[in-house]
Amino acid sequence: MEPLNLIWPEEQFKEDYFIVYRVRSLSYPNSIALIKVSKNRYKIFKGEYELKLGEIIMLYKLAKSLMDDFRRYSS
């Protein structure tokens, strides 16, 4: 499984009650996904690359941690 430090989010913009992040990886030249995070949920939009299972799992873990951070700072 790919370590989390090879995948990182970059905040792109805020939209109403959401924050949209672009996810980058050292394994691919362009962003691999977008994550839209709100206080109670997140949605992942995968990019053009066919990701490995470990990378998909790391995306969901990253999205969950971004949602937890969103809750902590918004309350």
C-alpha atoms as a PDB file:
ATOM      1  CA  MET A   1       0.000   0.000   0.000  1.00  0.00           C
ATOM      2  CA  GLU A   2       1.268   3.473  -0.832  1.00  0.00           C
ATOM      3  CA  PRO A   3       2.185   5.590   2.214  1.00  0.00           C
ATOM      4  CA  LEU A   4      -0.029   8.577   2.992  1.00  0.00           C
ATOM      5  CA  ASN A   5       2.870  11.027   2.683  1.00  0.00           C
ATOM      6  CA  LEU A   6       2.957  10.384  -1.087  1.00  0.00           C
ATOM      7  CA  ILE A   7      -0.629  11.611  -1.420  1.00  0.00           C
ATOM      8  CA  TRP A   8      -1.598  15.081  -0.232  1.00  0.00           C
ATOM      9  CA  PRO A   9      -4.497  17.543  -0.608  1.00  0.00           C
ATOM     10  CA  GLU A  10      -4.296  21.097  -1.928  1.00  0.00           C
ATOM     11  CA  GLU A  11      -7.211  23.369  -1.076  1.00  0.00           C
ATOM     12  CA  GLN A  12      -8.707  24.740  -4.289  1.00  0.00           C
ATOM     13  CA  PHE A  13     -11.748  26.804  -3.331  1.00  0.00           C
ATOM     14  CA  LYS A  14     -14.648  27.176  -0.919  1.00  0.00           C
ATOM     15  CA  GLU A  15     -18.201  26.928  -2.198  1.00  0.00           C
ATOM     16  CA  ASP A  16     -21.121  27.609   0.171  1.00  0.00           C
ATOM     17  CA  TYR A  17     -20.611  25.070   2.961  1.00  0.00           C
ATOM     18  CA  PHE A  18     -18.053  22.967   1.078  1.00  0.00           C
ATOM     19  CA  ILE A  19     -14.303  22.998   0.617  1.00  0.00           C
ATOM     20  CA  VAL A  20     -12.925  21.404  -2.544  1.00  0.00           C
ATOM     21  CA  TYR A  21      -9.458  19.852  -2.469  1.00  0.00           C
ATOM     22  CA  ARG A  22      -7.312  18.649  -5.340  1.00  0.00           C
ATOM     23  CA  VAL A  23      -5.392  15.483  -4.425  1.00  0.00           C
ATOM     24  CA  ARG A  24      -1.861  15.132  -5.755  1.00  0.00           C
ATOM     25  CA  SER A  25       0.470  12.134  -5.754  1.00  0.00           C
ATOM     26  CA  LEU A  26       4.157  11.652  -6.446  1.00  0.00           C
ATOM     27  CA  SER A  27       3.203   8.639  -8.588  1.00  0.00           C
ATOM     28  CA  TYR A  28       1.247  10.664 -11.186  1.00  0.00           C
ATOM     29  CA  PRO A  29       2.018  13.958 -12.997  1.00  0.00           C
ATOM     30  CA  ASN A  30      -1.466  15.501 -12.569  1.00  0.00           C
ATOM     31  CA  SER A  31      -4.032  15.477  -9.790  1.00  0.00           C
ATOM     32  CA  ILE A  32      -5.584  12.078  -9.119  1.00  0.00           C
ATOM     33  CA  ALA A  33      -8.880  13.194  -7.567  1.00  0.00           C
ATOM     34  CA  LEU A  34     -11.014  15.997  -6.195  1.00  0.00           C
ATOM     35  CA  ILE A  35     -12.524  15.760  -2.727  1.00  0.00           C
ATOM     36  CA  LYS A  36     -15.550  17.883  -1.834  1.00  0.00           C
ATOM     37  CA  VAL A  37     -15.887  18.129   1.949  1.00  0.00           C
ATOM     38  CA  SER A  38     -18.681  19.486   4.121  1.00  0.00           C
ATOM     39  CA  LYS A  39     -19.374  19.233   7.837  1.00  0.00           C
ATOM     40  CA  ASN A  40     -21.200  15.900   7.604  1.00  0.00           C
ATOM     41  CA  ARG A  41     -20.036  14.236   4.392  1.00  0.00           C
ATOM     42  CA  TYR A  42     -17.500  14.066   1.629  1.00  0.00           C
ATOM     43  CA  LYS A  43     -17.537  13.105  -2.029  1.00  0.00           C
ATOM     44  CA  ILE A  44     -14.579  11.879  -4.069  1.00  0.00           C
ATOM     45  CA  PHE A  45     -14.312  12.533  -7.799  1.00  0.00           C
ATOM     46  CA  LYS A  46     -11.631  10.292  -9.276  1.00  0.00           C
ATOM     47  CA  GLY A  47      -9.477  11.695 -12.051  1.00  0.00           C
ATOM     48  CA  GLU A  48      -8.288  10.197 -15.312  1.00  0.00           C
ATOM     49  CA  TYR A  49      -5.889   7.646 -13.807  1.00  0.00           C
ATOM     50  CA  GLU A  50      -6.678   4.019 -13.034  1.00  0.00           C
ATOM     51  CA  LEU A  51      -5.747   3.892  -9.347  1.00  0.00           C
ATOM     52  CA  LYS A  52      -4.576   0.846  -7.427  1.00  0.00           C
ATOM     53  CA  LEU A  53      -6.678  -0.467  -4.545  1.00  0.00           C
ATOM     54  CA  GLY A  54      -4.228   0.888  -1.956  1.00  0.00           C
ATOM     55  CA  GLU A  55      -4.411   4.353  -3.516  1.00  0.00           C
ATOM     56  CA  ILE A  56      -8.220   4.296  -3.472  1.00  0.00           C
ATOM     57  CA  ILE A  57      -8.216   3.304   0.200  1.00  0.00           C
ATOM     58  CA  MET A  58      -5.806   6.142   0.972  1.00  0.00           C
ATOM     59  CA  LEU A  59      -8.118   8.593  -0.833  1.00  0.00           C
ATOM     60  CA  TYR A  60     -11.010   7.579   1.413  1.00  0.00           C
ATOM     61  CA  LYS A  61      -8.850   7.826   4.541  1.00  0.00           C
ATOM     62  CA  LEU A  62      -7.674  11.267   3.442  1.00  0.00           C
ATOM     63  CA  ALA A  63     -11.257  12.397   2.745  1.00  0.00           C
ATOM     64  CA  LYS A  64     -12.375  11.173   6.178  1.00  0.00           C
ATOM     65  CA  SER A  65      -9.545  13.047   7.906  1.00  0.00           C
ATOM     66  CA  LEU A  66     -10.358  16.233   5.936  1.00  0.00           C
ATOM     67  CA  MET A  67     -14.002  15.935   7.011  1.00  0.00           C
ATOM     68  CA  ASP A  68     -12.951  15.465  10.658  1.00  0.00           C
ATOM     69  CA  ASP A  69     -10.749  18.579  10.408  1.00  0.00           C
ATOM     70  CA  PHE A  70     -13.620  20.514   8.816  1.00  0.00           C
ATOM     71  CA  ARG A  71     -15.873  19.625  11.759  1.00  0.00           C
ATOM     72  CA  ARG A  72     -13.235  20.557  14.323  1.00  0.00           C
ATOM     73  CA  TYR A  73     -12.551  24.001  12.829  1.00  0.00           C
ATOM     74  CA  SER A  74     -16.124  24.895  11.916  1.00  0.00           C
ATOM     75  CA  SER A  75     -17.626  24.340  15.368  1.00  0.00           C
END
